[in-house]
Amino acid sequence: MPEEVKLSRVETLFAELRYPVTRADAAAEFADTTVLFADGEANLGKLVSEVGSDSFSDPEDLFAELQNVLPVEAVGEPGQSEGDA
């Protein structure tokens, strides 16, 4: 069943995998998951398939790699910071 998850909850999903896990297995696991950004959305499985590492030892490793392939829409408007009102 397709699932939607906010970016802030992705690491919780990653924690449900058995580690170590390969990039291909993680991507397949999330093929039906849509990650919701501040402005937009993307397929989580596709994003995972684009990370640089071939395997991950824990959820933190996978999430750190995911940060490198997130689109600009994932964090809001360009130049916007958490402290802006």
N, C-alpha and C. Protein backbone atom coordinates (compact mmCIF):
# COMPACT_ATOMS: atom_id res chain seq x y z
N MET A 1 0.84 -1.18 0.00
CA MET A 1 0.00 0.00 0.00
C MET A 1 0.89 1.25 0.00
N PRO A 2 0.65 2.18 -0.90
CA PRO A 2 1.45 3.41 -0.93
C PRO A 2 1.33 4.18 0.38
N GLU A 3 2.41 4.82 0.75
CA GLU A 3 2.47 5.54 2.02
C GLU A 3 3.04 6.94 1.78
N GLU A 4 2.60 7.90 2.59
CA GLU A 4 3.17 9.24 2.56
C GLU A 4 3.78 9.51 3.93
N VAL A 5 4.93 10.15 3.93
CA VAL A 5 5.62 10.45 5.18
C VAL A 5 6.31 11.80 5.05
N LYS A 6 6.28 12.58 6.11
CA LYS A 6 6.99 13.85 6.14
C LYS A 6 8.49 13.57 6.24
N LEU A 7 9.28 14.47 5.68
CA LEU A 7 10.73 14.33 5.70
C LEU A 7 11.24 14.15 7.14
N SER A 8 10.63 14.83 8.07
CA SER A 8 11.08 14.74 9.47
C SER A 8 10.87 13.35 10.07
N ARG A 9 10.08 12.49 9.42
CA ARG A 9 9.80 11.14 9.93
C ARG A 9 10.52 10.05 9.15
N VAL A 10 11.29 10.42 8.13
CA VAL A 10 11.95 9.43 7.28
C VAL A 10 12.94 8.57 8.07
N GLU A 11 13.68 9.17 8.96
CA GLU A 11 14.67 8.39 9.72
C GLU A 11 13.99 7.31 10.56
N THR A 12 12.77 7.56 11.03
CA THR A 12 12.00 6.55 11.76
C THR A 12 11.70 5.36 10.85
N LEU A 13 11.34 5.63 9.60
CA LEU A 13 11.13 4.55 8.63
C LEU A 13 12.42 3.77 8.39
N PHE A 14 13.51 4.49 8.24
CA PHE A 14 14.79 3.84 8.01
C PHE A 14 15.16 2.91 9.17
N ALA A 15 14.75 3.26 10.38
CA ALA A 15 15.06 2.44 11.56
C ALA A 15 14.36 1.09 11.52
N GLU A 16 13.32 0.96 10.70
CA GLU A 16 12.57 -0.29 10.62
C GLU A 16 13.25 -1.32 9.72
N LEU A 17 14.25 -0.91 8.95
CA LEU A 17 14.98 -1.84 8.08
C LEU A 17 15.95 -2.68 8.91
N ARG A 18 16.34 -3.83 8.37
CA ARG A 18 17.37 -4.67 8.99
C ARG A 18 18.72 -4.25 8.42
N TYR A 19 19.67 -3.98 9.30
CA TYR A 19 21.00 -3.50 8.88
C TYR A 19 22.04 -4.57 9.14
N PRO A 20 23.09 -4.62 8.30
CA PRO A 20 23.35 -3.73 7.17
C PRO A 20 22.34 -3.97 6.05
N VAL A 21 22.13 -2.92 5.24
CA VAL A 21 21.21 -3.01 4.11
C VAL A 21 21.87 -2.39 2.88
N THR A 22 21.58 -2.97 1.73
CA THR A 22 22.14 -2.41 0.49
C THR A 22 21.25 -1.27 0.01
N ARG A 23 21.85 -0.43 -0.82
CA ARG A 23 21.09 0.68 -1.42
C ARG A 23 19.91 0.13 -2.21
N ALA A 24 20.13 -0.92 -2.99
CA ALA A 24 19.06 -1.49 -3.82
C ALA A 24 17.90 -2.03 -2.97
N ASP A 25 18.23 -2.72 -1.87
CA ASP A 25 17.18 -3.25 -1.00
C ASP A 25 16.41 -2.13 -0.31
N ALA A 26 17.11 -1.10 0.14
CA ALA A 26 16.43 0.02 0.79
C ALA A 26 15.55 0.76 -0.20
N ALA A 27 16.04 0.96 -1.42
CA ALA A 27 15.24 1.65 -2.45
C ALA A 27 13.98 0.84 -2.76
N ALA A 28 14.11 -0.47 -2.87
CA ALA A 28 12.95 -1.32 -3.15
C ALA A 28 11.94 -1.27 -2.01
N GLU A 29 12.43 -1.23 -0.80
CA GLU A 29 11.55 -1.18 0.38
C GLU A 29 10.67 0.07 0.38
N PHE A 30 11.19 1.18 -0.13
CA PHE A 30 10.47 2.45 -0.10
C PHE A 30 9.95 2.88 -1.47
N ALA A 31 9.85 1.95 -2.40
CA ALA A 31 9.40 2.26 -3.76
C ALA A 31 7.99 2.83 -3.80
N ASP A 32 7.15 2.47 -2.84
CA ASP A 32 5.77 2.96 -2.79
C ASP A 32 5.56 4.06 -1.76
N THR A 33 6.65 4.68 -1.31
CA THR A 33 6.57 5.70 -0.28
C THR A 33 6.85 7.08 -0.87
N THR A 34 5.97 8.02 -0.59
CA THR A 34 6.14 9.40 -1.02
C THR A 34 6.60 10.21 0.18
N VAL A 35 7.70 10.93 0.02
CA VAL A 35 8.18 11.80 1.10
C VAL A 35 7.69 13.21 0.80
N LEU A 36 7.11 13.84 1.82
CA LEU A 36 6.54 15.18 1.70
C LEU A 36 7.53 16.21 2.20
N PHE A 37 7.78 17.22 1.37
CA PHE A 37 8.72 18.29 1.71
C PHE A 37 7.97 19.55 2.12
N ALA A 38 8.74 20.58 2.49
CA ALA A 38 8.17 21.88 2.80
C ALA A 38 7.39 22.41 1.60
N ASP A 39 7.88 22.11 0.40
CA ASP A 39 7.22 22.56 -0.82
C ASP A 39 7.38 21.47 -1.89
N GLY A 40 6.52 20.48 -1.87
CA GLY A 40 6.58 19.43 -2.87
C GLY A 40 6.69 18.05 -2.26
N GLU A 41 7.01 17.09 -3.11
CA GLU A 41 7.13 15.70 -2.68
C GLU A 41 7.98 14.94 -3.69
N ALA A 42 8.42 13.75 -3.29
CA ALA A 42 9.22 12.89 -4.17
C ALA A 42 9.06 11.45 -3.73
N ASN A 43 9.41 10.53 -4.62
CA ASN A 43 9.38 9.11 -4.29
C ASN A 43 10.62 8.78 -3.47
N LEU A 44 10.42 8.26 -2.27
CA LEU A 44 11.54 7.97 -1.38
C LEU A 44 12.44 6.87 -1.94
N GLY A 45 11.86 5.86 -2.54
CA GLY A 45 12.67 4.80 -3.13
C GLY A 45 13.59 5.32 -4.21
N LYS A 46 13.09 6.22 -5.05
CA LYS A 46 13.92 6.81 -6.11
C LYS A 46 15.05 7.64 -5.51
N LEU A 47 14.75 8.42 -4.48
CA LEU A 47 15.80 9.21 -3.83
C LEU A 47 16.88 8.31 -3.24
N VAL A 48 16.45 7.24 -2.55
CA VAL A 48 17.42 6.31 -1.96
C VAL A 48 18.28 5.68 -3.05
N SER A 49 17.68 5.38 -4.19
CA SER A 49 18.45 4.76 -5.28
C SER A 49 19.53 5.69 -5.83
N GLU A 50 19.43 6.98 -5.55
CA GLU A 50 20.39 7.97 -6.07
C GLU A 50 21.53 8.30 -5.11
N VAL A 51 21.50 7.75 -3.88
CA VAL A 51 22.56 8.07 -2.92
C VAL A 51 23.88 7.45 -3.36
N GLY A 52 24.98 7.95 -2.81
CA GLY A 52 26.30 7.53 -3.26
C GLY A 52 26.80 6.20 -2.74
N SER A 53 26.40 5.81 -1.55
CA SER A 53 26.90 4.57 -0.96
C SER A 53 26.11 3.36 -1.45
N ASP A 54 26.78 2.22 -1.48
CA ASP A 54 26.14 0.98 -1.90
C ASP A 54 25.48 0.22 -0.75
N SER A 55 25.91 0.50 0.49
CA SER A 55 25.32 -0.16 1.65
C SER A 55 25.41 0.75 2.87
N PHE A 56 24.60 0.40 3.88
CA PHE A 56 24.48 1.24 5.07
C PHE A 56 24.51 0.36 6.31
N SER A 57 25.21 0.81 7.35
CA SER A 57 25.32 0.02 8.57
C SER A 57 24.23 0.36 9.59
N ASP A 58 23.60 1.53 9.43
CA ASP A 58 22.54 1.92 10.36
C ASP A 58 21.67 3.01 9.75
N PRO A 59 20.53 3.32 10.38
CA PRO A 59 19.61 4.33 9.83
C PRO A 59 20.24 5.71 9.67
N GLU A 60 21.15 6.05 10.58
CA GLU A 60 21.79 7.36 10.52
C GLU A 60 22.64 7.50 9.26
N ASP A 61 23.35 6.42 8.88
CA ASP A 61 24.14 6.45 7.65
C ASP A 61 23.26 6.69 6.43
N LEU A 62 22.16 5.96 6.36
CA LEU A 62 21.25 6.09 5.23
C LEU A 62 20.64 7.48 5.17
N PHE A 63 20.22 8.02 6.31
CA PHE A 63 19.62 9.35 6.34
C PHE A 63 20.64 10.41 5.96
N ALA A 64 21.87 10.28 6.42
CA ALA A 64 22.91 11.25 6.06
C ALA A 64 23.15 11.26 4.55
N GLU A 65 23.18 10.08 3.94
CA GLU A 65 23.35 10.00 2.49
C GLU A 65 22.15 10.60 1.76
N LEU A 66 20.96 10.40 2.30
CA LEU A 66 19.75 10.94 1.68
C LEU A 66 19.82 12.47 1.60
N GLN A 67 20.39 13.10 2.61
CA GLN A 67 20.49 14.56 2.65
C GLN A 67 21.20 15.10 1.41
N ASN A 68 22.11 14.32 0.85
CA ASN A 68 22.89 14.77 -0.31
C ASN A 68 22.12 14.75 -1.62
N VAL A 69 20.99 14.06 -1.66
CA VAL A 69 20.23 13.96 -2.92
C VAL A 69 18.87 14.64 -2.85
N LEU A 70 18.57 15.28 -1.72
CA LEU A 70 17.27 15.95 -1.59
C LEU A 70 17.20 17.18 -2.49
N PRO A 71 16.05 17.41 -3.11
CA PRO A 71 15.88 18.61 -3.93
C PRO A 71 15.74 19.85 -3.05
N VAL A 72 15.91 21.01 -3.65
CA VAL A 72 15.80 22.27 -2.91
C VAL A 72 14.44 22.38 -2.22
N GLU A 73 13.38 21.84 -2.83
CA GLU A 73 12.04 21.93 -2.26
C GLU A 73 11.93 21.25 -0.90
N ALA A 74 12.88 20.39 -0.58
CA ALA A 74 12.82 19.64 0.66
C ALA A 74 12.96 20.52 1.89
N VAL A 75 13.62 21.65 1.74
CA VAL A 75 13.89 22.49 2.91
C VAL A 75 13.25 23.87 2.84
N GLY A 76 12.41 24.11 1.89
CA GLY A 76 11.73 25.39 1.80
C GLY A 76 12.33 26.30 0.75
N GLU A 77 12.07 27.57 0.87
CA GLU A 77 12.51 28.54 -0.11
C GLU A 77 14.03 28.77 -0.01
N PRO A 78 14.69 28.94 -1.14
CA PRO A 78 16.13 29.23 -1.12
C PRO A 78 16.42 30.48 -0.29
N GLY A 79 17.43 30.39 0.54
CA GLY A 79 17.81 31.54 1.37
C GLY A 79 17.01 31.66 2.65
N GLN A 80 15.99 30.85 2.82
CA GLN A 80 15.18 30.92 4.02
C GLN A 80 15.89 30.17 5.12
N SER A 81 15.87 30.73 6.33
CA SER A 81 16.48 30.03 7.46
C SER A 81 15.42 29.77 8.51
N GLU A 82 15.76 28.88 9.43
CA GLU A 82 14.83 28.50 10.49
C GLU A 82 14.46 29.71 11.36
N GLY A 83 15.38 30.67 11.47
CA GLY A 83 15.15 31.80 12.36
C GLY A 83 14.33 32.93 11.74
N ASP A 84 14.03 32.88 10.45
CA ASP A 84 13.25 33.95 9.82
C ASP A 84 11.82 33.91 10.29
N ALA A 85 11.25 35.07 10.51
CA ALA A 85 9.85 35.12 10.96
C ALA A 85 8.95 35.53 9.84
